[in-house]
Amino acid sequence: MAQGKAVEAFEEELCDFLGLPNGCAVAVSSGTAALYISLLFLGAKDKNVAFPTYTCSALRNITTFASANSLLVDSQISSPNIDLELIDKNVDIAIVPNMFGIPQIINRINKPIKIIEDCAQSLGAKVKSSNVGLQGDIGVFSFYATKLITSGGQGGMIVSKDSSLIQEIKDYRLFDRRNDSKIRFNFQMTDLQAAIGPIYC
């Protein structure tokens, strides 16, 4: 039950749910993998990555794995979400979680930084009638056992309105039996996991 048709169907189903064209989502092995790959493809190496002090430890871990510099940002006074007004001019990329399913309007503060919208806890939430995950350069979802839907305990999804970026990530995920020397990694979701995920939609 390796990656196959069920994974493709799960990707298309999430695109349909979010209102994205097919081909704008890529399923991966976990939400943490989704975050790491997103940083990798946004060129995070040696860049300053901001994320909230109050969040999952995965954000700190993946920033370190991506060879980026962590910049911790405080939460809002009246919300567990990151205080976007505290993101300063030194930030290159911001990871913006919608904590506990509470969505927030994401504005690019001070300069046009790259944004990863972390929707691990907010699948189905909306901002001004639009689904979360579409406000930044990349949206990431988790299907871990404690999330809103699960694909059997682990799993994640990366979405973007930039379909060419998604195709690059899919190429990176397809690691075996390639005819070039490009470095790739096995972050694949299995068909068994993908078949479980939509059952809970």
C-alpha atoms as a PDB file:
ATOM      1  CA  MET A   1       0.000   0.000   0.000  1.00  0.00           C
ATOM      2  CA  ALA A   2       2.674   2.507  -1.017  1.00  0.00           C
ATOM      3  CA  GLN A   3       1.915   5.918  -2.476  1.00  0.00           C
ATOM      4  CA  GLY A   4      -0.514   5.643  -5.377  1.00  0.00           C
ATOM      5  CA  LYS A   5      -4.033   6.467  -6.564  1.00  0.00           C
ATOM      6  CA  ALA A   6      -5.498   6.908  -3.081  1.00  0.00           C
ATOM      7  CA  VAL A   7      -2.894   9.569  -2.269  1.00  0.00           C
ATOM      8  CA  GLU A   8      -3.734  11.413  -5.496  1.00  0.00           C
ATOM      9  CA  ALA A   9      -7.449  11.228  -4.645  1.00  0.00           C
ATOM     10  CA  PHE A  10      -6.821  12.597  -1.139  1.00  0.00           C
ATOM     11  CA  GLU A  11      -4.816  15.495  -2.593  1.00  0.00           C
ATOM     12  CA  GLU A  12      -7.610  16.289  -5.051  1.00  0.00           C
ATOM     13  CA  GLU A  13     -10.252  16.077  -2.331  1.00  0.00           C
ATOM     14  CA  LEU A  14      -8.441  18.632  -0.187  1.00  0.00           C
ATOM     15  CA  CYS A  15      -8.049  20.910  -3.220  1.00  0.00           C
ATOM     16  CA  ASP A  16     -11.790  20.667  -3.861  1.00  0.00           C
ATOM     17  CA  PHE A  17     -12.542  21.397  -0.197  1.00  0.00           C
ATOM     18  CA  LEU A  18     -10.306  24.476  -0.148  1.00  0.00           C
ATOM     19  CA  GLY A  19     -11.429  25.737  -3.545  1.00  0.00           C
ATOM     20  CA  LEU A  20      -8.060  25.158  -5.215  1.00  0.00           C
ATOM     21  CA  PRO A  21      -7.522  23.688  -8.686  1.00  0.00           C
ATOM     22  CA  ASN A  22      -6.408  20.068  -8.709  1.00  0.00           C
ATOM     23  CA  GLY A  23      -2.643  19.788  -8.590  1.00  0.00           C
ATOM     24  CA  CYS A  24      -2.220  22.389  -5.848  1.00  0.00           C
ATOM     25  CA  ALA A  25      -1.739  19.947  -2.952  1.00  0.00           C
ATOM     26  CA  VAL A  26       0.878  17.363  -2.056  1.00  0.00           C
ATOM     27  CA  ALA A  27       0.441  14.724   0.652  1.00  0.00           C
ATOM     28  CA  VAL A  28       3.413  13.913   2.880  1.00  0.00           C
ATOM     29  CA  SER A  29       4.247  11.661   5.808  1.00  0.00           C
ATOM     30  CA  SER A  30       3.471  14.136   8.619  1.00  0.00           C
ATOM     31  CA  GLY A  31       2.626  17.719   9.440  1.00  0.00           C
ATOM     32  CA  THR A  32       6.197  18.207  10.616  1.00  0.00           C
ATOM     33  CA  ALA A  33       7.443  16.999   7.233  1.00  0.00           C
ATOM     34  CA  ALA A  34       5.065  19.461   5.561  1.00  0.00           C
ATOM     35  CA  LEU A  35       6.563  22.330   7.554  1.00  0.00           C
ATOM     36  CA  TYR A  36      10.149  21.262   6.885  1.00  0.00           C
ATOM     37  CA  ILE A  37       9.602  20.856   3.140  1.00  0.00           C
ATOM     38  CA  SER A  38       7.873  24.243   3.025  1.00  0.00           C
ATOM     39  CA  LEU A  39      10.889  25.940   4.595  1.00  0.00           C
ATOM     40  CA  LEU A  40      13.210  24.048   2.276  1.00  0.00           C
ATOM     41  CA  PHE A  41      11.384  25.206  -0.854  1.00  0.00           C
ATOM     42  CA  LEU A  42      11.036  28.792   0.356  1.00  0.00           C
ATOM     43  CA  GLY A  43      14.822  28.968   0.632  1.00  0.00           C
ATOM     44  CA  ALA A  44      15.027  29.213   4.425  1.00  0.00           C
ATOM     45  CA  LYS A  45      18.712  28.280   4.759  1.00  0.00           C
ATOM     46  CA  ASP A  46      20.555  31.022   6.674  1.00  0.00           C
ATOM     47  CA  LYS A  47      17.367  33.138   6.666  1.00  0.00           C
ATOM     48  CA  ASN A  48      15.453  34.492   9.673  1.00  0.00           C
ATOM     49  CA  VAL A  49      12.285  32.511  10.367  1.00  0.00           C
ATOM     50  CA  ALA A  50       9.736  33.912  12.818  1.00  0.00           C
ATOM     51  CA  PHE A  51       7.221  31.787  14.692  1.00  0.00           C
ATOM     52  CA  PRO A  52       5.307  32.160  17.961  1.00  0.00           C
ATOM     53  CA  THR A  53       6.769  31.288  21.335  1.00  0.00           C
ATOM     54  CA  TYR A  54       3.525  29.483  22.165  1.00  0.00           C
ATOM     55  CA  THR A  55       3.260  26.660  19.659  1.00  0.00           C
ATOM     56  CA  CYS A  56       4.253  23.067  18.923  1.00  0.00           C
ATOM     57  CA  SER A  57       7.947  22.224  19.326  1.00  0.00           C
ATOM     58  CA  ALA A  58       7.944  21.021  15.704  1.00  0.00           C
ATOM     59  CA  LEU A  59       8.331  24.630  14.508  1.00  0.00           C
ATOM     60  CA  ARG A  60      11.582  25.087  16.406  1.00  0.00           C
ATOM     61  CA  ASN A  61      12.830  21.688  15.269  1.00  0.00           C
ATOM     62  CA  ILE A  62      12.137  22.143  11.584  1.00  0.00           C
ATOM     63  CA  THR A  63      13.642  25.627  11.561  1.00  0.00           C
ATOM     64  CA  THR A  64      16.860  24.152  12.926  1.00  0.00           C
ATOM     65  CA  PHE A  65      16.773  21.249  10.440  1.00  0.00           C
ATOM     66  CA  ALA A  66      16.337  23.756   7.607  1.00  0.00           C
ATOM     67  CA  SER A  67      19.506  25.582   8.766  1.00  0.00           C
ATOM     68  CA  ALA A  68      17.525  28.750   9.411  1.00  0.00           C
ATOM     69  CA  ASN A  69      17.650  31.223  12.293  1.00  0.00           C
ATOM     70  CA  SER A  70      14.751  31.103  14.764  1.00  0.00           C
ATOM     71  CA  LEU A  71      13.108  34.380  15.782  1.00  0.00           C
ATOM     72  CA  LEU A  72      10.527  33.922  18.532  1.00  0.00           C
ATOM     73  CA  VAL A  73       7.508  36.220  18.501  1.00  0.00           C
ATOM     74  CA  ASP A  74       5.041  36.695  21.356  1.00  0.00           C
ATOM     75  CA  SER A  75       1.329  35.904  21.157  1.00  0.00           C
ATOM     76  CA  GLN A  76      -1.426  38.486  21.082  1.00  0.00           C
ATOM     77  CA  ILE A  77      -2.765  39.735  24.407  1.00  0.00           C
ATOM     78  CA  SER A  78      -6.299  38.524  23.662  1.00  0.00           C
ATOM     79  CA  SER A  79      -5.512  35.460  21.529  1.00  0.00           C
ATOM     80  CA  PRO A  80      -3.128  32.481  21.486  1.00  0.00           C
ATOM     81  CA  ASN A  81      -2.172  33.433  17.918  1.00  0.00           C
ATOM     82  CA  ILE A  82       1.095  35.134  17.001  1.00  0.00           C
ATOM     83  CA  ASP A  83       1.123  38.930  17.223  1.00  0.00           C
ATOM     84  CA  LEU A  84       1.831  39.848  13.600  1.00  0.00           C
ATOM     85  CA  GLU A  85       2.573  43.465  14.562  1.00  0.00           C
ATOM     86  CA  LEU A  86       5.701  42.248  16.367  1.00  0.00           C
ATOM     87  CA  ILE A  87       7.186  40.759  13.192  1.00  0.00           C
ATOM     88  CA  ASP A  88      10.000  43.134  12.307  1.00  0.00           C
ATOM     89  CA  LYS A  89      12.052  43.994   9.241  1.00  0.00           C
ATOM     90  CA  ASN A  90      14.655  41.318  10.016  1.00  0.00           C
ATOM     91  CA  VAL A  91      12.196  38.489   9.287  1.00  0.00           C
ATOM     92  CA  ASP A  92      12.442  36.671   5.941  1.00  0.00           C
ATOM     93  CA  ILE A  93       9.835  33.938   6.522  1.00  0.00           C
ATOM     94  CA  ALA A  94       7.031  33.718   9.083  1.00  0.00           C
ATOM     95  CA  ILE A  95       5.262  30.547  10.191  1.00  0.00           C
ATOM     96  CA  VAL A  96       1.789  31.619  11.286  1.00  0.00           C
ATOM     97  CA  PRO A  97      -0.251  28.953  13.111  1.00  0.00           C
ATOM     98  CA  ASN A  98      -4.003  29.305  13.565  1.00  0.00           C
ATOM     99  CA  MET A  99      -3.924  28.089  17.153  1.00  0.00           C
ATOM    100  CA  PHE A 100      -6.814  25.960  18.479  1.00  0.00           C
ATOM    101  CA  GLY A 101      -8.718  26.498  15.231  1.00  0.00           C
ATOM    102  CA  ILE A 102      -8.825  30.276  15.686  1.00  0.00           C
ATOM    103  CA  PRO A 103      -8.063  31.786  12.265  1.00  0.00           C
ATOM    104  CA  GLN A 104      -6.448  35.152  11.842  1.00  0.00           C
ATOM    105  CA  ILE A 105      -6.120  37.573   8.967  1.00  0.00           C
ATOM    106  CA  ILE A 106      -2.535  37.465   7.770  1.00  0.00           C
ATOM    107  CA  ASN A 107      -0.983  40.680   6.562  1.00  0.00           C
ATOM    108  CA  ARG A 108       2.574  40.990   5.310  1.00  0.00           C
ATOM    109  CA  ILE A 109       4.137  43.257   7.883  1.00  0.00           C
ATOM    110  CA  ASN A 110       6.885  45.822   7.128  1.00  0.00           C
ATOM    111  CA  LYS A 111       8.133  44.122   3.978  1.00  0.00           C
ATOM    112  CA  PRO A 112       7.011  41.355   1.594  1.00  0.00           C
ATOM    113  CA  ILE A 113       8.057  38.348   3.634  1.00  0.00           C
ATOM    114  CA  LYS A 114       7.227  34.755   2.786  1.00  0.00           C
ATOM    115  CA  ILE A 115       4.473  33.191   4.857  1.00  0.00           C
ATOM    116  CA  ILE A 116       3.683  29.611   5.803  1.00  0.00           C
ATOM    117  CA  GLU A 117       0.160  29.365   7.189  1.00  0.00           C
ATOM    118  CA  ASP A 118       0.137  26.516   9.712  1.00  0.00           C
ATOM    119  CA  CYS A 119      -3.363  25.024   9.667  1.00  0.00           C
ATOM    120  CA  ALA A 120      -2.608  21.910  11.709  1.00  0.00           C
ATOM    121  CA  GLN A 121      -5.412  22.804  14.133  1.00  0.00           C
ATOM    122  CA  SER A 122      -7.724  24.733  11.828  1.00  0.00           C
ATOM    123  CA  LEU A 123      -8.879  22.622   8.877  1.00  0.00           C
ATOM    124  CA  GLY A 124     -12.316  23.956   7.928  1.00  0.00           C
ATOM    125  CA  ALA A 125     -11.903  27.374   9.545  1.00  0.00           C
ATOM    126  CA  LYS A 126     -12.492  30.416   7.384  1.00  0.00           C
ATOM    127  CA  VAL A 127     -11.175  33.966   7.101  1.00  0.00           C
ATOM    128  CA  LYS A 128     -13.626  36.332   5.406  1.00  0.00           C
ATOM    129  CA  SER A 129     -15.468  33.361   3.832  1.00  0.00           C
ATOM    130  CA  SER A 130     -12.199  31.858   2.488  1.00  0.00           C
ATOM    131  CA  ASN A 131     -10.719  28.641   3.853  1.00  0.00           C
ATOM    132  CA  VAL A 132      -7.553  28.869   5.885  1.00  0.00           C
ATOM    133  CA  GLY A 133      -4.373  27.725   4.181  1.00  0.00           C
ATOM    134  CA  LEU A 134      -4.592  30.108   1.243  1.00  0.00           C
ATOM    135  CA  GLN A 135      -3.413  33.394   2.770  1.00  0.00           C
ATOM    136  CA  GLY A 136       0.321  32.814   2.550  1.00  0.00           C
ATOM    137  CA  ASP A 137       2.783  31.381   0.066  1.00  0.00           C
ATOM    138  CA  ILE A 138       2.150  27.887   1.466  1.00  0.00           C
ATOM    139  CA  GLY A 139      -0.448  26.321   3.727  1.00  0.00           C
ATOM    140  CA  VAL A 140       0.284  23.178   5.751  1.00  0.00           C
ATOM    141  CA  PHE A 141      -2.080  20.691   7.382  1.00  0.00           C
ATOM    142  CA  SER A 142      -1.515  17.861   9.843  1.00  0.00           C
ATOM    143  CA  PHE A 143      -3.441  14.608  10.048  1.00  0.00           C
ATOM    144  CA  TYR A 144      -1.898  13.454  13.316  1.00  0.00           C
ATOM    145  CA  ALA A 145      -4.121  11.440  15.658  1.00  0.00           C
ATOM    146  CA  THR A 146      -5.181  14.512  17.676  1.00  0.00           C
ATOM    147  CA  LYS A 147      -6.058  16.727  14.707  1.00  0.00           C
ATOM    148  CA  LEU A 148      -9.453  17.479  13.131  1.00  0.00           C
ATOM    149  CA  ILE A 149      -9.116  14.574  10.724  1.00  0.00           C
ATOM    150  CA  THR A 150      -6.512  11.827  10.806  1.00  0.00           C
ATOM    151  CA  SER A 151      -4.981   9.561   8.216  1.00  0.00           C
ATOM    152  CA  GLY A 152      -4.385   6.789  10.696  1.00  0.00           C
ATOM    153  CA  GLY A 153      -2.120   8.560  13.172  1.00  0.00           C
ATOM    154  CA  GLN A 154       0.322  10.454  10.962  1.00  0.00           C
ATOM    155  CA  GLY A 155       0.195  12.433   7.740  1.00  0.00           C
ATOM    156  CA  GLY A 156       0.313  15.953   6.371  1.00  0.00           C
ATOM    157  CA  MET A 157      -0.512  18.068   3.337  1.00  0.00           C
ATOM    158  CA  ILE A 158       1.085  21.078   1.670  1.00  0.00           C
ATOM    159  CA  VAL A 159      -1.062  23.422  -0.409  1.00  0.00           C
ATOM    160  CA  SER A 160      -0.281  26.473  -2.497  1.00  0.00           C
ATOM    161  CA  LYS A 161      -1.907  28.588  -5.152  1.00  0.00           C
ATOM    162  CA  ASP A 162       1.469  28.311  -6.913  1.00  0.00           C
ATOM    163  CA  SER A 163       1.013  24.971  -8.709  1.00  0.00           C
ATOM    164  CA  SER A 164       4.579  25.064 -10.063  1.00  0.00           C
ATOM    165  CA  LEU A 165       5.883  25.094  -6.489  1.00  0.00           C
ATOM    166  CA  ILE A 166       3.707  22.083  -5.656  1.00  0.00           C
ATOM    167  CA  GLN A 167       5.072  20.216  -8.683  1.00  0.00           C
ATOM    168  CA  GLU A 168       8.626  20.880  -7.492  1.00  0.00           C
ATOM    169  CA  ILE A 169       7.729  19.464  -4.080  1.00  0.00           C
ATOM    170  CA  LYS A 170       6.127  16.398  -5.658  1.00  0.00           C
ATOM    171  CA  ASP A 171       9.298  15.827  -7.649  1.00  0.00           C
ATOM    172  CA  TYR A 172      11.309  16.037  -4.404  1.00  0.00           C
ATOM    173  CA  ARG A 173       8.979  13.538  -2.704  1.00  0.00           C
ATOM    174  CA  LEU A 174       9.315  11.006  -5.566  1.00  0.00           C
ATOM    175  CA  PHE A 175      12.775   9.920  -4.494  1.00  0.00           C
ATOM    176  CA  ASP A 176      13.370   6.518  -6.079  1.00  0.00           C
ATOM    177  CA  ARG A 177      14.198   5.262  -9.602  1.00  0.00           C
ATOM    178  CA  ARG A 178      15.048   8.666 -11.029  1.00  0.00           C
ATOM    179  CA  ASN A 179      17.375   9.300 -13.937  1.00  0.00           C
ATOM    180  CA  ASP A 180      19.296  12.230 -12.471  1.00  0.00           C
ATOM    181  CA  SER A 181      21.537  12.922  -9.488  1.00  0.00           C
ATOM    182  CA  LYS A 182      19.200  15.394  -7.762  1.00  0.00           C
ATOM    183  CA  ILE A 183      18.923  14.821  -4.007  1.00  0.00           C
ATOM    184  CA  ARG A 184      15.433  13.848  -2.845  1.00  0.00           C
ATOM    185  CA  PHE A 185      13.890  12.308   0.281  1.00  0.00           C
ATOM    186  CA  ASN A 186      11.126   9.831   1.084  1.00  0.00           C
ATOM    187  CA  PHE A 187       8.384  11.927   2.687  1.00  0.00           C
ATOM    188  CA  GLN A 188       5.613   9.901   1.040  1.00  0.00           C
ATOM    189  CA  MET A 189       2.190   9.135   2.464  1.00  0.00           C
ATOM    190  CA  THR A 190       0.914   5.605   1.882  1.00  0.00           C
ATOM    191  CA  ASP A 191      -2.296   4.735   0.060  1.00  0.00           C
ATOM    192  CA  LEU A 192      -3.549   3.105   3.271  1.00  0.00           C
ATOM    193  CA  GLN A 193      -3.175   6.388   5.173  1.00  0.00           C
ATOM    194  CA  ALA A 194      -4.745   8.363   2.323  1.00  0.00           C
ATOM    195  CA  ALA A 195      -7.725   6.001   2.200  1.00  0.00           C
ATOM    196  CA  ILE A 196      -8.370   6.562   5.912  1.00  0.00           C
ATOM    197  CA  GLY A 197      -8.121  10.373   5.787  1.00  0.00           C
ATOM    198  CA  PRO A 198     -11.216  11.257   3.713  1.00  0.00           C
ATOM    199  CA  ILE A 199     -13.429   8.937   5.799  1.00  0.00           C
ATOM    200  CA  TYR A 200     -13.370  11.589   8.537  1.00  0.00           C
ATOM    201  CA  CYS A 201     -14.118  14.568   6.274  1.00  0.00           C
END
